[in-house]
Each structure stands twice: as structure tokens, then as C-alpha cells.
Amino acid sequence: MSAPETIDRILLTAAVVLIVAAGALLLIRIRRGPSMLDRAIALDVCAALIIAGLGAKSAFSRDPYYFPIMMVLAILGFTGSVGIARFIAVRDRPKARARPTPPAGTNEEAE
């Protein structure tokens, strides 16, 4: 192997090690929570880590076979994140307060 190929392999190995370490920390975040939003964000990051791992695998093997799979995972991760965000936005929407009734004898409707 030439020097650039050796450096390439070392950098790819370091990238895979960092992806695995990030995955381990991600599993801890999913387990600990504390809220559902934290877990949802962690699952979105998990999709990104899977895509990064497939990219590293593709770079190791110098094979573009995994690129369409990465694109589909990216689309699924995006739509899942948007769906979760919309669900949480609807769930956490403040409730409309009822208007207080005017005291008897006042003519508030005429104004």
C-alpha cells in the first residue's frame, strides 16, 4: 500500500471508531431520556449514524452500492423527525382559555 492509501485507511478506521462511540453514547441517551423528545432526537441521530456507518463501509470497499440505501434512510429519518415534531407540537399546544363572562347588568355586547 502507498502512503496515501495507508492514511486513508487510518482515517476511515478512526471515523468508524468515532461512529461506534457515538452509537454507544446514543444508546445511553435513549435509555435515560428523560423526556420523549430527547428519545425522539436520539433516534433521529441514530438514523444519521447508520447513514454515516454505511458511508464508511462504502468508502472502505470503494463500492457505491450503499448510496441509494443511504438516500432512502435519509428521507425516512427526515420524515420521521417531522412527524414526531408535529405530534409533539400538537400535543404541547396551549389550550385556549375561555372568555370570562361579564357581570350581570353590564352591556358589553353593545360595544
C-alpha atoms as a PDB file:
ATOM      1  CA  MET A   1       0.000   0.000   0.000  1.00  0.00           C
ATOM      2  CA  SER A   2       1.146   3.517  -0.718  1.00  0.00           C
ATOM      3  CA  ALA A   3       1.282   6.271   1.873  1.00  0.00           C
ATOM      4  CA  PRO A   4      -1.989   7.956   0.782  1.00  0.00           C
ATOM      5  CA  GLU A   5      -3.837   4.628   0.942  1.00  0.00           C
ATOM      6  CA  THR A   6      -2.455   3.982   4.421  1.00  0.00           C
ATOM      7  CA  ILE A   7      -3.542   7.416   5.606  1.00  0.00           C
ATOM      8  CA  ASP A   8      -6.937   6.840   4.005  1.00  0.00           C
ATOM      9  CA  ARG A   9      -7.384   3.554   5.897  1.00  0.00           C
ATOM     10  CA  ILE A  10      -6.281   5.115   9.179  1.00  0.00           C
ATOM     11  CA  LEU A  11      -8.755   7.989   8.792  1.00  0.00           C
ATOM     12  CA  LEU A  12     -11.583   5.630   7.855  1.00  0.00           C
ATOM     13  CA  THR A  13     -10.806   3.420  10.840  1.00  0.00           C
ATOM     14  CA  ALA A  14     -10.835   6.470  13.113  1.00  0.00           C
ATOM     15  CA  ALA A  15     -14.196   7.507  11.617  1.00  0.00           C
ATOM     16  CA  VAL A  16     -15.676   4.069  12.294  1.00  0.00           C
ATOM     17  CA  VAL A  17     -14.386   4.124  15.878  1.00  0.00           C
ATOM     18  CA  LEU A  18     -15.987   7.546  16.424  1.00  0.00           C
ATOM     19  CA  ILE A  19     -19.270   6.354  14.904  1.00  0.00           C
ATOM     20  CA  VAL A  20     -19.329   3.336  17.223  1.00  0.00           C
ATOM     21  CA  ALA A  21     -18.530   5.535  20.249  1.00  0.00           C
ATOM     22  CA  ALA A  22     -21.302   7.945  19.266  1.00  0.00           C
ATOM     23  CA  GLY A  23     -23.678   4.989  18.922  1.00  0.00           C
ATOM     24  CA  ALA A  24     -22.846   3.800  22.428  1.00  0.00           C
ATOM     25  CA  LEU A  25     -23.490   7.272  23.856  1.00  0.00           C
ATOM     26  CA  LEU A  26     -26.663   7.455  21.824  1.00  0.00           C
ATOM     27  CA  LEU A  27     -27.989   4.246  23.354  1.00  0.00           C
ATOM     28  CA  ILE A  28     -27.357   5.702  26.787  1.00  0.00           C
ATOM     29  CA  ARG A  29     -29.356   8.825  25.837  1.00  0.00           C
ATOM     30  CA  ILE A  30     -32.223   6.719  24.524  1.00  0.00           C
ATOM     31  CA  ARG A  31     -32.320   4.702  27.735  1.00  0.00           C
ATOM     32  CA  ARG A  32     -32.037   7.626  30.155  1.00  0.00           C
ATOM     33  CA  GLY A  33     -34.362  10.047  28.424  1.00  0.00           C
ATOM     34  CA  PRO A  34     -35.616  11.977  30.412  1.00  0.00           C
ATOM     35  CA  SER A  35     -38.339  13.146  28.025  1.00  0.00           C
ATOM     36  CA  MET A  36     -39.920  11.669  24.944  1.00  0.00           C
ATOM     37  CA  LEU A  37     -38.465  14.488  22.853  1.00  0.00           C
ATOM     38  CA  ASP A  38     -34.930  13.533  23.956  1.00  0.00           C
ATOM     39  CA  ARG A  39     -35.554   9.964  22.860  1.00  0.00           C
ATOM     40  CA  ALA A  40     -37.007  11.089  19.533  1.00  0.00           C
ATOM     41  CA  ILE A  41     -33.982  13.256  18.799  1.00  0.00           C
ATOM     42  CA  ALA A  42     -31.705  10.387  19.778  1.00  0.00           C
ATOM     43  CA  LEU A  43     -33.477   8.085  17.323  1.00  0.00           C
ATOM     44  CA  ASP A  44     -33.036  10.711  14.601  1.00  0.00           C
ATOM     45  CA  VAL A  45     -29.329  10.867  15.388  1.00  0.00           C
ATOM     46  CA  CYS A  46     -29.301   7.059  15.264  1.00  0.00           C
ATOM     47  CA  ALA A  47     -30.520   7.228  11.654  1.00  0.00           C
ATOM     48  CA  ALA A  48     -27.720   9.690  10.885  1.00  0.00           C
ATOM     49  CA  LEU A  49     -25.168   7.359  12.480  1.00  0.00           C
ATOM     50  CA  ILE A  50     -26.419   4.440  10.409  1.00  0.00           C
ATOM     51  CA  ILE A  51     -26.040   6.567   7.295  1.00  0.00           C
ATOM     52  CA  ALA A  52     -22.515   7.553   8.366  1.00  0.00           C
ATOM     53  CA  GLY A  53     -21.649   3.916   9.028  1.00  0.00           C
ATOM     54  CA  LEU A  54     -22.890   2.904   5.599  1.00  0.00           C
ATOM     55  CA  GLY A  55     -20.853   5.728   4.091  1.00  0.00           C
ATOM     56  CA  ALA A  56     -17.741   4.495   5.890  1.00  0.00           C
ATOM     57  CA  LYS A  57     -18.439   0.924   4.723  1.00  0.00           C
ATOM     58  CA  SER A  58     -18.858   2.194   1.184  1.00  0.00           C
ATOM     59  CA  ALA A  59     -15.590   4.122   1.423  1.00  0.00           C
ATOM     60  CA  PHE A  60     -13.742   1.082   2.803  1.00  0.00           C
ATOM     61  CA  SER A  61     -14.935  -1.152  -0.004  1.00  0.00           C
ATOM     62  CA  ARG A  62     -14.827   1.630  -2.623  1.00  0.00           C
ATOM     63  CA  ASP A  63     -18.258   0.498  -3.781  1.00  0.00           C
ATOM     64  CA  PRO A  64     -21.163   2.924  -4.446  1.00  0.00           C
ATOM     65  CA  TYR A  65     -23.743   0.180  -3.783  1.00  0.00           C
ATOM     66  CA  TYR A  66     -24.872   1.713  -0.465  1.00  0.00           C
ATOM     67  CA  PHE A  67     -25.592   5.240  -1.742  1.00  0.00           C
ATOM     68  CA  PRO A  68     -29.267   4.608  -2.690  1.00  0.00           C
ATOM     69  CA  ILE A  69     -29.797   2.909   0.671  1.00  0.00           C
ATOM     70  CA  MET A  70     -28.306   5.937   2.395  1.00  0.00           C
ATOM     71  CA  MET A  71     -30.659   8.236   0.475  1.00  0.00           C
ATOM     72  CA  VAL A  72     -33.728   6.207   1.476  1.00  0.00           C
ATOM     73  CA  LEU A  73     -32.624   6.201   5.121  1.00  0.00           C
ATOM     74  CA  ALA A  74     -32.104   9.959   4.998  1.00  0.00           C
ATOM     75  CA  ILE A  75     -35.611  10.503   3.635  1.00  0.00           C
ATOM     76  CA  LEU A  76     -37.120   8.171   6.229  1.00  0.00           C
ATOM     77  CA  GLY A  77     -35.189   9.870   9.024  1.00  0.00           C
ATOM     78  CA  PHE A  78     -36.336  13.303   7.877  1.00  0.00           C
ATOM     79  CA  THR A  79     -39.987  12.347   7.568  1.00  0.00           C
ATOM     80  CA  GLY A  80     -39.870  10.597  10.928  1.00  0.00           C
ATOM     81  CA  SER A  81     -38.407  13.675  12.597  1.00  0.00           C
ATOM     82  CA  VAL A  82     -41.002  15.944  11.028  1.00  0.00           C
ATOM     83  CA  GLY A  83     -43.789  13.584  12.090  1.00  0.00           C
ATOM     84  CA  ILE A  84     -42.564  13.445  15.668  1.00  0.00           C
ATOM     85  CA  ALA A  85     -42.131  17.227  15.784  1.00  0.00           C
ATOM     86  CA  ARG A  86     -45.679  17.745  14.505  1.00  0.00           C
ATOM     87  CA  PHE A  87     -47.046  15.254  17.040  1.00  0.00           C
ATOM     88  CA  ILE A  88     -45.249  16.952  19.913  1.00  0.00           C
ATOM     89  CA  ALA A  89     -46.290  20.408  18.663  1.00  0.00           C
ATOM     90  CA  VAL A  90     -49.953  19.371  18.643  1.00  0.00           C
ATOM     91  CA  ARG A  91     -49.693  17.644  21.997  1.00  0.00           C
ATOM     92  CA  ASP A  92     -47.929  20.573  23.695  1.00  0.00           C
ATOM     93  CA  ARG A  93     -50.131  23.310  22.211  1.00  0.00           C
ATOM     94  CA  PRO A  94     -51.549  25.535  24.949  1.00  0.00           C
ATOM     95  CA  LYS A  95     -55.257  25.188  25.436  1.00  0.00           C
ATOM     96  CA  ALA A  96     -57.464  28.168  24.595  1.00  0.00           C
ATOM     97  CA  ARG A  97     -58.723  29.961  27.668  1.00  0.00           C
ATOM     98  CA  ALA A  98     -62.431  30.527  27.997  1.00  0.00           C
ATOM     99  CA  ARG A  99     -63.514  34.168  27.942  1.00  0.00           C
ATOM    100  CA  PRO A 100     -64.772  35.322  31.310  1.00  0.00           C
ATOM    101  CA  THR A 101     -68.465  36.081  31.426  1.00  0.00           C
ATOM    102  CA  PRO A 102     -69.296  39.728  32.053  1.00  0.00           C
ATOM    103  CA  PRO A 103     -71.054  40.569  35.298  1.00  0.00           C
ATOM    104  CA  ALA A 104     -74.827  40.835  35.189  1.00  0.00           C
ATOM    105  CA  GLY A 105     -76.165  44.243  34.290  1.00  0.00           C
ATOM    106  CA  THR A 106     -73.317  45.326  32.015  1.00  0.00           C
ATOM    107  CA  ASN A 107     -73.939  45.826  28.342  1.00  0.00           C
ATOM    108  CA  GLU A 108     -70.696  44.542  26.836  1.00  0.00           C
ATOM    109  CA  GLU A 109     -72.346  43.227  23.664  1.00  0.00           C
ATOM    110  CA  ALA A 110     -73.385  46.741  22.548  1.00  0.00           C
ATOM    111  CA  GLU A 111     -69.803  47.966  22.375  1.00  0.00           C
END
